[in-house]
């Protein structure tokens, strides 16, 4: 489960909507750094003002899932906001039992 703080996202106004497109790229690596699998997911937002206010207060959540056998892994996430092309990345060790 990924949580994104929408306060840091630049929304564009289109009609009565606040628009933003997010791309999530998730990759799983073994202990030797070998790529085991990944996925590419998008979140397309077109929010009315009241919905944006609620989302800004609570945050955005995106569930992503990868399958792997028990073991130690490195999980890498890249998030790209497509309105200005900014990116953020995060790596975390993961233990699957």
PDB file of N, CA and C in Angstrom:
ATOM      1  N   UNK A   1       0.851  -1.167   0.000  1.00  0.00           N
ATOM      2  CA  UNK A   1       0.000   0.000   0.000  1.00  0.00           C
ATOM      3  C   UNK A   1       0.902   1.237   0.000  1.00  0.00           C
ATOM      4  N   UNK A   2       0.727   2.069  -0.979  1.00  0.00           N
ATOM      5  CA  UNK A   2       1.514   3.300  -1.094  1.00  0.00           C
ATOM      6  C   UNK A   2       0.637   4.480  -0.725  1.00  0.00           C
ATOM      7  N   UNK A   3       1.212   5.407  -0.027  1.00  0.00           N
ATOM      8  CA  UNK A   3       0.478   6.622   0.331  1.00  0.00           C
ATOM      9  C   UNK A   3       1.227   7.821  -0.231  1.00  0.00           C
ATOM     10  N   UNK A   4       0.500   8.669  -0.950  1.00  0.00           N
ATOM     11  CA  UNK A   4       1.069   9.868  -1.566  1.00  0.00           C
ATOM     12  C   UNK A   4       0.405  11.087  -0.931  1.00  0.00           C
ATOM     13  N   UNK A   5       1.226  12.063  -0.560  1.00  0.00           N
ATOM     14  CA  UNK A   5       0.707  13.313  -0.002  1.00  0.00           C
ATOM     15  C   UNK A   5       0.371  14.249  -1.162  1.00  0.00           C
ATOM     16  N   UNK A   6      -0.916  14.484  -1.437  1.00  0.00           N
ATOM     17  CA  UNK A   6      -1.285  15.316  -2.582  1.00  0.00           C
ATOM     18  C   UNK A   6      -0.947  16.799  -2.412  1.00  0.00           C
ATOM     19  N   UNK A   7      -0.589  17.221  -1.201  1.00  0.00           N
ATOM     20  CA  UNK A   7      -0.222  18.628  -0.994  1.00  0.00           C
ATOM     21  C   UNK A   7       0.995  19.008  -1.816  1.00  0.00           C
ATOM     22  N   UNK A   8       1.838  18.028  -2.122  1.00  0.00           N
ATOM     23  CA  UNK A   8       3.056  18.309  -2.873  1.00  0.00           C
ATOM     24  C   UNK A   8       2.874  18.151  -4.392  1.00  0.00           C
ATOM     25  N   UNK A   9       1.658  17.816  -4.818  1.00  0.00           N
ATOM     26  CA  UNK A   9       1.414  17.591  -6.242  1.00  0.00           C
ATOM     27  C   UNK A   9       0.849  18.837  -6.910  1.00  0.00           C
ATOM     28  N   UNK A  10       1.369  19.184  -8.083  1.00  0.00           N
ATOM     29  CA  UNK A  10       0.807  20.303  -8.828  1.00  0.00           C
ATOM     30  C   UNK A  10      -0.387  19.820  -9.672  1.00  0.00           C
ATOM     31  N   UNK A  11      -1.574  20.242  -9.319  1.00  0.00           N
ATOM     32  CA  UNK A  11      -2.764  19.913 -10.101  1.00  0.00           C
ATOM     33  C   UNK A  11      -3.003  21.000 -11.132  1.00  0.00           C
ATOM     34  N   UNK A  12      -3.494  20.605 -12.291  1.00  0.00           N
ATOM     35  CA  UNK A  12      -3.876  21.560 -13.321  1.00  0.00           C
ATOM     36  C   UNK A  12      -5.397  21.660 -13.354  1.00  0.00           C
ATOM     37  N   UNK A  13      -5.887  22.850 -13.582  1.00  0.00           N
ATOM     38  CA  UNK A  13      -7.326  23.071 -13.639  1.00  0.00           C
ATOM     39  C   UNK A  13      -7.798  22.849 -15.075  1.00  0.00           C
ATOM     40  N   UNK A  14      -8.782  21.959 -15.232  1.00  0.00           N
ATOM     41  CA  UNK A  14      -9.422  21.710 -16.534  1.00  0.00           C
ATOM     42  C   UNK A  14     -10.928  21.712 -16.313  1.00  0.00           C
ATOM     43  N   UNK A  15     -11.562  22.801 -16.710  1.00  0.00           N
ATOM     44  CA  UNK A  15     -12.989  22.946 -16.456  1.00  0.00           C
ATOM     45  C   UNK A  15     -13.229  23.018 -14.966  1.00  0.00           C
ATOM     46  N   UNK A  16     -14.099  22.141 -14.448  1.00  0.00           N
ATOM     47  CA  UNK A  16     -14.386  22.124 -13.010  1.00  0.00           C
ATOM     48  C   UNK A  16     -13.566  21.070 -12.269  1.00  0.00           C
ATOM     49  N   UNK A  17     -12.517  20.558 -12.907  1.00  0.00           N
ATOM     50  CA  UNK A  17     -11.715  19.471 -12.322  1.00  0.00           C
ATOM     51  C   UNK A  17     -10.274  19.895 -12.068  1.00  0.00           C
ATOM     52  N   UNK A  18      -9.679  19.236 -11.073  1.00  0.00           N
ATOM     53  CA  UNK A  18      -8.256  19.363 -10.763  1.00  0.00           C
ATOM     54  C   UNK A  18      -7.600  18.075 -11.231  1.00  0.00           C
ATOM     55  N   UNK A  19      -6.705  18.192 -12.191  1.00  0.00           N
ATOM     56  CA  UNK A  19      -6.184  17.029 -12.905  1.00  0.00           C
ATOM     57  C   UNK A  19      -4.716  16.787 -12.564  1.00  0.00           C
ATOM     58  N   UNK A  20      -4.402  15.503 -12.381  1.00  0.00           N
ATOM     59  CA  UNK A  20      -3.022  15.058 -12.179  1.00  0.00           C
ATOM     60  C   UNK A  20      -2.947  13.590 -12.582  1.00  0.00           C
ATOM     61  N   UNK A  21      -1.847  13.193 -13.156  1.00  0.00           N
ATOM     62  CA  UNK A  21      -1.598  11.802 -13.530  1.00  0.00           C
ATOM     63  C   UNK A  21      -0.317  11.334 -12.853  1.00  0.00           C
ATOM     64  N   UNK A  22      -0.422  10.182 -12.185  1.00  0.00           N
ATOM     65  CA  UNK A  22       0.720   9.608 -11.484  1.00  0.00           C
ATOM     66  C   UNK A  22       1.051   8.253 -12.085  1.00  0.00           C
ATOM     67  N   UNK A  23       2.329   7.954 -12.138  1.00  0.00           N
ATOM     68  CA  UNK A  23       2.801   6.654 -12.618  1.00  0.00           C
ATOM     69  C   UNK A  23       3.659   6.035 -11.532  1.00  0.00           C
ATOM     70  N   UNK A  24       3.337   4.785 -11.178  1.00  0.00           N
ATOM     71  CA  UNK A  24       4.073   4.032 -10.177  1.00  0.00           C
ATOM     72  C   UNK A  24       4.799   2.887 -10.876  1.00  0.00           C
ATOM     73  N   UNK A  25       6.103   2.786 -10.671  1.00  0.00           N
ATOM     74  CA  UNK A  25       6.874   1.668 -11.197  1.00  0.00           C
ATOM     75  C   UNK A  25       7.487   0.958  -9.993  1.00  0.00           C
ATOM     76  N   UNK A  26       7.184  -0.322  -9.874  1.00  0.00           N
ATOM     77  CA  UNK A  26       7.612  -1.124  -8.738  1.00  0.00           C
ATOM     78  C   UNK A  26       8.484  -2.256  -9.252  1.00  0.00           C
ATOM     79  N   UNK A  27       9.642  -2.477  -8.607  1.00  0.00           N
ATOM     80  CA  UNK A  27      10.549  -3.542  -9.028  1.00  0.00           C
ATOM     81  C   UNK A  27      11.037  -4.304  -7.800  1.00  0.00           C
ATOM     82  N   UNK A  28      11.165  -5.617  -7.962  1.00  0.00           N
ATOM     83  CA  UNK A  28      11.637  -6.485  -6.889  1.00  0.00           C
ATOM     84  C   UNK A  28      12.957  -7.116  -7.323  1.00  0.00           C
ATOM     85  N   UNK A  29      13.973  -7.039  -6.433  1.00  0.00           N
ATOM     86  CA  UNK A  29      15.299  -7.566  -6.717  1.00  0.00           C
ATOM     87  C   UNK A  29      15.675  -8.575  -5.632  1.00  0.00           C
ATOM     88  N   UNK A  30      16.435  -9.602  -6.011  1.00  0.00           N
ATOM     89  CA  UNK A  30      16.913 -10.572  -5.022  1.00  0.00           C
ATOM     90  C   UNK A  30      18.136 -10.007  -4.297  1.00  0.00           C
ATOM     91  N   UNK A  31      18.702 -10.799  -3.384  1.00  0.00           N
ATOM     92  CA  UNK A  31      19.833 -10.352  -2.568  1.00  0.00           C
ATOM     93  C   UNK A  31      21.070 -10.013  -3.412  1.00  0.00           C
ATOM     94  N   UNK A  32      21.188 -10.587  -4.610  1.00  0.00           N
ATOM     95  CA  UNK A  32      22.325 -10.308  -5.492  1.00  0.00           C
ATOM     96  C   UNK A  32      22.030  -9.162  -6.461  1.00  0.00           C
ATOM     97  N   UNK A  33      20.860  -8.548  -6.351  1.00  0.00           N
ATOM     98  CA  UNK A  33      20.511  -7.428  -7.218  1.00  0.00           C
ATOM     99  C   UNK A  33      19.874  -7.832  -8.526  1.00  0.00           C
ATOM    100  N   UNK A  34      19.533  -9.109  -8.696  1.00  0.00           N
ATOM    101  CA  UNK A  34      18.904  -9.587  -9.929  1.00  0.00           C
ATOM    102  C   UNK A  34      17.427  -9.203  -9.928  1.00  0.00           C
ATOM    103  N   UNK A  35      16.989  -8.617 -11.027  1.00  0.00           N
ATOM    104  CA  UNK A  35      15.589  -8.221 -11.187  1.00  0.00           C
ATOM    105  C   UNK A  35      14.705  -9.464 -11.250  1.00  0.00           C
ATOM    106  N   UNK A  36      13.695  -9.521 -10.394  1.00  0.00           N
ATOM    107  CA  UNK A  36      12.802 -10.673 -10.345  1.00  0.00           C
ATOM    108  C   UNK A  36      11.430 -10.398 -10.941  1.00  0.00           C
ATOM    109  N   UNK A  37      11.005  -9.173 -10.900  1.00  0.00           N
ATOM    110  CA  UNK A  37       9.689  -8.842 -11.435  1.00  0.00           C
ATOM    111  C   UNK A  37       9.327  -7.417 -11.089  1.00  0.00           C
ATOM    112  N   UNK A  38       8.294  -6.947 -11.731  1.00  0.00           N
ATOM    113  CA  UNK A  38       7.875  -5.580 -11.477  1.00  0.00           C
ATOM    114  C   UNK A  38       6.525  -5.295 -12.079  1.00  0.00           C
ATOM    115  N   UNK A  39       6.086  -4.084 -11.885  1.00  0.00           N
ATOM    116  CA  UNK A  39       4.839  -3.650 -12.500  1.00  0.00           C
ATOM    117  C   UNK A  39       4.848  -2.159 -12.693  1.00  0.00           C
ATOM    118  N   UNK A  40       3.977  -1.734 -13.562  1.00  0.00           N
ATOM    119  CA  UNK A  40       3.820  -0.339 -13.940  1.00  0.00           C
ATOM    120  C   UNK A  40       2.339  -0.030 -13.774  1.00  0.00           C
ATOM    121  N   UNK A  41       2.010   0.978 -12.972  1.00  0.00           N
ATOM    122  CA  UNK A  41       0.615   1.287 -12.683  1.00  0.00           C
ATOM    123  C   UNK A  41       0.395   2.789 -12.792  1.00  0.00           C
ATOM    124  N   UNK A  42      -0.813   3.185 -13.146  1.00  0.00           N
ATOM    125  CA  UNK A  42      -1.134   4.608 -13.287  1.00  0.00           C
ATOM    126  C   UNK A  42      -2.305   4.976 -12.400  1.00  0.00           C
ATOM    127  N   UNK A  43      -2.303   6.226 -11.949  1.00  0.00           N
ATOM    128  CA  UNK A  43      -3.424   6.806 -11.232  1.00  0.00           C
ATOM    129  C   UNK A  43      -3.778   8.098 -11.956  1.00  0.00           C
ATOM    130  N   UNK A  44      -4.953   8.134 -12.546  1.00  0.00           N
ATOM    131  CA  UNK A  44      -5.408   9.303 -13.294  1.00  0.00           C
ATOM    132  C   UNK A  44      -6.463  10.003 -12.444  1.00  0.00           C
ATOM    133  N   UNK A  45      -6.174  11.236 -12.081  1.00  0.00           N
ATOM    134  CA  UNK A  45      -7.044  11.993 -11.191  1.00  0.00           C
ATOM    135  C   UNK A  45      -7.706  13.142 -11.938  1.00  0.00           C
ATOM    136  N   UNK A  46      -9.005  13.293 -11.751  1.00  0.00           N
ATOM    137  CA  UNK A  46      -9.769  14.423 -12.258  1.00  0.00           C
ATOM    138  C   UNK A  46     -10.792  14.744 -11.166  1.00  0.00           C
ATOM    139  N   UNK A  47     -10.378  15.535 -10.190  1.00  0.00           N
ATOM    140  CA  UNK A  47     -11.124  15.716  -8.952  1.00  0.00           C
ATOM    141  C   UNK A  47     -11.834  17.065  -8.901  1.00  0.00           C
ATOM    142  N   UNK A  48     -13.086  17.037  -8.433  1.00  0.00           N
ATOM    143  CA  UNK A  48     -13.788  18.284  -8.152  1.00  0.00           C
ATOM    144  C   UNK A  48     -13.171  18.896  -6.898  1.00  0.00           C
ATOM    145  N   UNK A  49     -13.434  20.176  -6.667  1.00  0.00           N
ATOM    146  CA  UNK A  49     -12.806  20.896  -5.562  1.00  0.00           C
ATOM    147  C   UNK A  49     -13.054  20.235  -4.205  1.00  0.00           C
ATOM    148  N   UNK A  50     -14.285  19.793  -3.929  1.00  0.00           N
ATOM    149  CA  UNK A  50     -14.574  19.185  -2.632  1.00  0.00           C
ATOM    150  C   UNK A  50     -13.852  17.844  -2.467  1.00  0.00           C
ATOM    151  N   UNK A  51     -13.743  17.085  -3.555  1.00  0.00           N
ATOM    152  CA  UNK A  51     -13.019  15.815  -3.505  1.00  0.00           C
ATOM    153  C   UNK A  51     -11.524  16.062  -3.294  1.00  0.00           C
ATOM    154  N   UNK A  52     -10.971  17.046  -3.969  1.00  0.00           N
ATOM    155  CA  UNK A  52      -9.559  17.386  -3.780  1.00  0.00           C
ATOM    156  C   UNK A  52      -9.291  17.800  -2.336  1.00  0.00           C
ATOM    157  N   UNK A  53     -10.210  18.542  -1.736  1.00  0.00           N
ATOM    158  CA  UNK A  53     -10.043  18.948  -0.336  1.00  0.00           C
ATOM    159  C   UNK A  53     -10.006  17.726   0.576  1.00  0.00           C
ATOM    160  N   UNK A  54     -10.892  16.756   0.355  1.00  0.00           N
ATOM    161  CA  UNK A  54     -10.899  15.532   1.167  1.00  0.00           C
ATOM    162  C   UNK A  54      -9.630  14.715   0.956  1.00  0.00           C
ATOM    163  N   UNK A  55      -9.219  14.577  -0.304  1.00  0.00           N
ATOM    164  CA  UNK A  55      -8.022  13.801  -0.638  1.00  0.00           C
ATOM    165  C   UNK A  55      -6.782  14.472  -0.058  1.00  0.00           C
ATOM    166  N   UNK A  56      -6.744  15.789  -0.095  1.00  0.00           N
ATOM    167  CA  UNK A  56      -5.602  16.517   0.450  1.00  0.00           C
ATOM    168  C   UNK A  56      -5.484  16.286   1.953  1.00  0.00           C
ATOM    169  N   UNK A  57      -6.611  16.171   2.627  1.00  0.00           N
ATOM    170  CA  UNK A  57      -6.616  15.924   4.068  1.00  0.00           C
ATOM    171  C   UNK A  57      -6.204  14.494   4.410  1.00  0.00           C
ATOM    172  N   UNK A  58      -6.716  13.514   3.646  1.00  0.00           N
ATOM    173  CA  UNK A  58      -6.488  12.099   3.953  1.00  0.00           C
ATOM    174  C   UNK A  58      -5.265  11.502   3.270  1.00  0.00           C
ATOM    175  N   UNK A  59      -4.904  12.017   2.107  1.00  0.00           N
ATOM    176  CA  UNK A  59      -3.831  11.426   1.307  1.00  0.00           C
ATOM    177  C   UNK A  59      -4.390  10.480   0.264  1.00  0.00           C
ATOM    178  N   UNK A  60      -3.570  10.137  -0.700  1.00  0.00           N
ATOM    179  CA  UNK A  60      -3.936   9.191  -1.754  1.00  0.00           C
ATOM    180  C   UNK A  60      -3.297   7.849  -1.457  1.00  0.00           C
ATOM    181  N   UNK A  61      -4.019   6.780  -1.690  1.00  0.00           N
ATOM    182  CA  UNK A  61      -3.470   5.446  -1.487  1.00  0.00           C
ATOM    183  C   UNK A  61      -3.607   4.636  -2.764  1.00  0.00           C
ATOM    184  N   UNK A  62      -2.580   3.829  -3.029  1.00  0.00           N
ATOM    185  CA  UNK A  62      -2.564   2.949  -4.198  1.00  0.00           C
ATOM    186  C   UNK A  62      -2.051   1.595  -3.738  1.00  0.00           C
ATOM    187  N   UNK A  63      -2.825   0.563  -3.950  1.00  0.00           N
ATOM    188  CA  UNK A  63      -2.393  -0.783  -3.618  1.00  0.00           C
ATOM    189  C   UNK A  63      -1.725  -1.437  -4.812  1.00  0.00           C
ATOM    190  N   UNK A  64      -0.554  -1.999  -4.608  1.00  0.00           N
ATOM    191  CA  UNK A  64       0.186  -2.707  -5.654  1.00  0.00           C
ATOM    192  C   UNK A  64       0.628  -4.049  -5.085  1.00  0.00           C
ATOM    193  N   UNK A  65       0.718  -5.062  -5.942  1.00  0.00           N
ATOM    194  CA  UNK A  65       1.053  -6.391  -5.445  1.00  0.00           C
ATOM    195  C   UNK A  65       2.009  -7.100  -6.397  1.00  0.00           C
ATOM    196  N   UNK A  66       3.032  -7.720  -5.810  1.00  0.00           N
ATOM    197  CA  UNK A  66       3.972  -8.569  -6.538  1.00  0.00           C
ATOM    198  C   UNK A  66       4.038  -9.917  -5.822  1.00  0.00           C
ATOM    199  N   UNK A  67       4.188 -10.992  -6.573  1.00  0.00           N
ATOM    200  CA  UNK A  67       4.309 -12.325  -5.996  1.00  0.00           C
ATOM    201  C   UNK A  67       5.787 -12.724  -5.933  1.00  0.00           C
ATOM    202  N   UNK A  68       6.182 -13.336  -4.800  1.00  0.00           N
ATOM    203  CA  UNK A  68       7.554 -13.814  -4.650  1.00  0.00           C
ATOM    204  C   UNK A  68       7.576 -14.900  -3.573  1.00  0.00           C
ATOM    205  N   UNK A  69       8.480 -15.866  -3.703  1.00  0.00           N
ATOM    206  CA  UNK A  69       8.610 -16.894  -2.660  1.00  0.00           C
ATOM    207  C   UNK A  69       9.269 -16.293  -1.418  1.00  0.00           C
ATOM    208  N   UNK A  70       9.225 -17.013  -0.291  1.00  0.00           N
ATOM    209  CA  UNK A  70       9.877 -16.514   0.920  1.00  0.00           C
ATOM    210  C   UNK A  70      11.358 -16.195   0.668  1.00  0.00           C
ATOM    211  N   UNK A  71      11.819 -15.115   1.295  1.00  0.00           N
ATOM    212  CA  UNK A  71      13.211 -14.718   1.136  1.00  0.00           C
ATOM    213  C   UNK A  71      13.415 -13.249   1.441  1.00  0.00           C
ATOM    214  N   UNK A  72      14.647 -12.785   1.241  1.00  0.00           N
ATOM    215  CA  UNK A  72      15.020 -11.381   1.449  1.00  0.00           C
ATOM    216  C   UNK A  72      15.144 -10.699   0.100  1.00  0.00           C
ATOM    217  N   UNK A  73      14.562  -9.535  -0.016  1.00  0.00           N
ATOM    218  CA  UNK A  73      14.508  -8.821  -1.283  1.00  0.00           C
ATOM    219  C   UNK A  73      14.742  -7.331  -1.071  1.00  0.00           C
ATOM    220  N   UNK A  74      14.926  -6.641  -2.189  1.00  0.00           N
ATOM    221  CA  UNK A  74      14.959  -5.184  -2.202  1.00  0.00           C
ATOM    222  C   UNK A  74      13.800  -4.743  -3.097  1.00  0.00           C
ATOM    223  N   UNK A  75      12.962  -3.873  -2.573  1.00  0.00           N
ATOM    224  CA  UNK A  75      11.825  -3.345  -3.307  1.00  0.00           C
ATOM    225  C   UNK A  75      12.141  -1.911  -3.704  1.00  0.00           C
ATOM    226  N   UNK A  76      11.980  -1.598  -4.961  1.00  0.00           N
ATOM    227  CA  UNK A  76      12.287  -0.261  -5.490  1.00  0.00           C
ATOM    228  C   UNK A  76      11.015   0.323  -6.085  1.00  0.00           C
ATOM    229  N   UNK A  77      10.673   1.533  -5.675  1.00  0.00           N
ATOM    230  CA  UNK A  77       9.502   2.234  -6.186  1.00  0.00           C
ATOM    231  C   UNK A  77       9.939   3.539  -6.817  1.00  0.00           C
ATOM    232  N   UNK A  78       9.427   3.815  -7.999  1.00  0.00           N
ATOM    233  CA  UNK A  78       9.616   5.107  -8.644  1.00  0.00           C
ATOM    234  C   UNK A  78       8.227   5.685  -8.880  1.00  0.00           C
ATOM    235  N   UNK A  79       8.025   6.918  -8.450  1.00  0.00           N
ATOM    236  CA  UNK A  79       6.767   7.627  -8.651  1.00  0.00           C
ATOM    237  C   UNK A  79       7.052   8.821  -9.539  1.00  0.00           C
ATOM    238  N   UNK A  80       6.290   8.943 -10.607  1.00  0.00           N
ATOM    239  CA  UNK A  80       6.429  10.079 -11.514  1.00  0.00           C
ATOM    240  C   UNK A  80       5.102  10.806 -11.569  1.00  0.00           C
ATOM    241  N   UNK A  81       5.139  12.120 -11.328  1.00  0.00           N
ATOM    242  CA  UNK A  81       3.944  12.922 -11.570  1.00  0.00           C
ATOM    243  C   UNK A  81       4.118  13.505 -12.969  1.00  0.00           C
ATOM    244  N   UNK A  82       3.100  13.317 -13.801  1.00  0.00           N
ATOM    245  CA  UNK A  82       3.268  13.570 -15.231  1.00  0.00           C
ATOM    246  C   UNK A  82       2.934  14.995 -15.661  1.00  0.00           C
ATOM    247  N   UNK A  83       2.431  15.831 -14.780  1.00  0.00           N
ATOM    248  CA  UNK A  83       2.108  17.201 -15.172  1.00  0.00           C
ATOM    249  C   UNK A  83       3.381  18.035 -15.346  1.00  0.00           C
ATOM    250  N   UNK A  84       4.345  17.842 -14.464  1.00  0.00           N
ATOM    251  CA  UNK A  84       5.617  18.563 -14.563  1.00  0.00           C
ATOM    252  C   UNK A  84       6.795  17.618 -14.769  1.00  0.00           C
ATOM    253  N   UNK A  85       6.534  16.311 -14.727  1.00  0.00           N
ATOM    254  CA  UNK A  85       7.581  15.334 -14.967  1.00  0.00           C
ATOM    255  C   UNK A  85       8.523  15.110 -13.801  1.00  0.00           C
ATOM    256  N   UNK A  86       8.102  15.465 -12.591  1.00  0.00           N
ATOM    257  CA  UNK A  86       8.951  15.245 -11.412  1.00  0.00           C
ATOM    258  C   UNK A  86       8.879  13.787 -10.996  1.00  0.00           C
ATOM    259  N   UNK A  87       9.973  13.307 -10.408  1.00  0.00           N
ATOM    260  CA  UNK A  87      10.057  11.913  -9.993  1.00  0.00           C
ATOM    261  C   UNK A  87      10.593  11.813  -8.576  1.00  0.00           C
ATOM    262  N   UNK A  88      10.203  10.733  -7.916  1.00  0.00           N
ATOM    263  CA  UNK A  88      10.746  10.386  -6.604  1.00  0.00           C
ATOM    264  C   UNK A  88      10.976   8.887  -6.598  1.00  0.00           C
ATOM    265  N   UNK A  89      11.982   8.437  -5.845  1.00  0.00           N
ATOM    266  CA  UNK A  89      12.294   7.008  -5.774  1.00  0.00           C
ATOM    267  C   UNK A  89      12.543   6.616  -4.329  1.00  0.00           C
ATOM    268  N   UNK A  90      12.262   5.351  -4.054  1.00  0.00           N
ATOM    269  CA  UNK A  90      12.410   4.813  -2.714  1.00  0.00           C
ATOM    270  C   UNK A  90      12.814   3.354  -2.823  1.00  0.00           C
ATOM    271  N   UNK A  91      13.786   2.926  -2.026  1.00  0.00           N
ATOM    272  CA  UNK A  91      14.186   1.517  -1.952  1.00  0.00           C
ATOM    273  C   UNK A  91      14.052   1.059  -0.508  1.00  0.00           C
ATOM    274  N   UNK A  92      13.537  -0.155  -0.343  1.00  0.00           N
ATOM    275  CA  UNK A  92      13.368  -0.736   0.985  1.00  0.00           C
ATOM    276  C   UNK A  92      13.689  -2.214   0.964  1.00  0.00           C
ATOM    277  N   UNK A  93      14.357  -2.703   2.014  1.00  0.00           N
ATOM    278  CA  UNK A  93      14.513  -4.155   2.133  1.00  0.00           C
ATOM    279  C   UNK A  93      13.161  -4.769   2.516  1.00  0.00           C
ATOM    280  N   UNK A  94      12.895  -5.969   2.011  1.00  0.00           N
ATOM    281  CA  UNK A  94      11.643  -6.656   2.272  1.00  0.00           C
ATOM    282  C   UNK A  94      11.955  -8.100   2.621  1.00  0.00           C
ATOM    283  N   UNK A  95      11.328  -8.585   3.672  1.00  0.00           N
ATOM    284  CA  UNK A  95      11.472  -9.978   4.066  1.00  0.00           C
ATOM    285  C   UNK A  95      10.108 -10.640   3.908  1.00  0.00           C
ATOM    286  N   UNK A  96      10.053 -11.689   3.084  1.00  0.00           N
ATOM    287  CA  UNK A  96       8.820 -12.446   2.885  1.00  0.00           C
ATOM    288  C   UNK A  96       8.988 -13.774   3.597  1.00  0.00           C
ATOM    289  N   UNK A  97       8.034 -14.081   4.457  1.00  0.00           N
ATOM    290  CA  UNK A  97       8.114 -15.333   5.230  1.00  0.00           C
ATOM    291  C   UNK A  97       7.074 -16.312   4.775  1.00  0.00           C
TER     292      UNK A  97
END
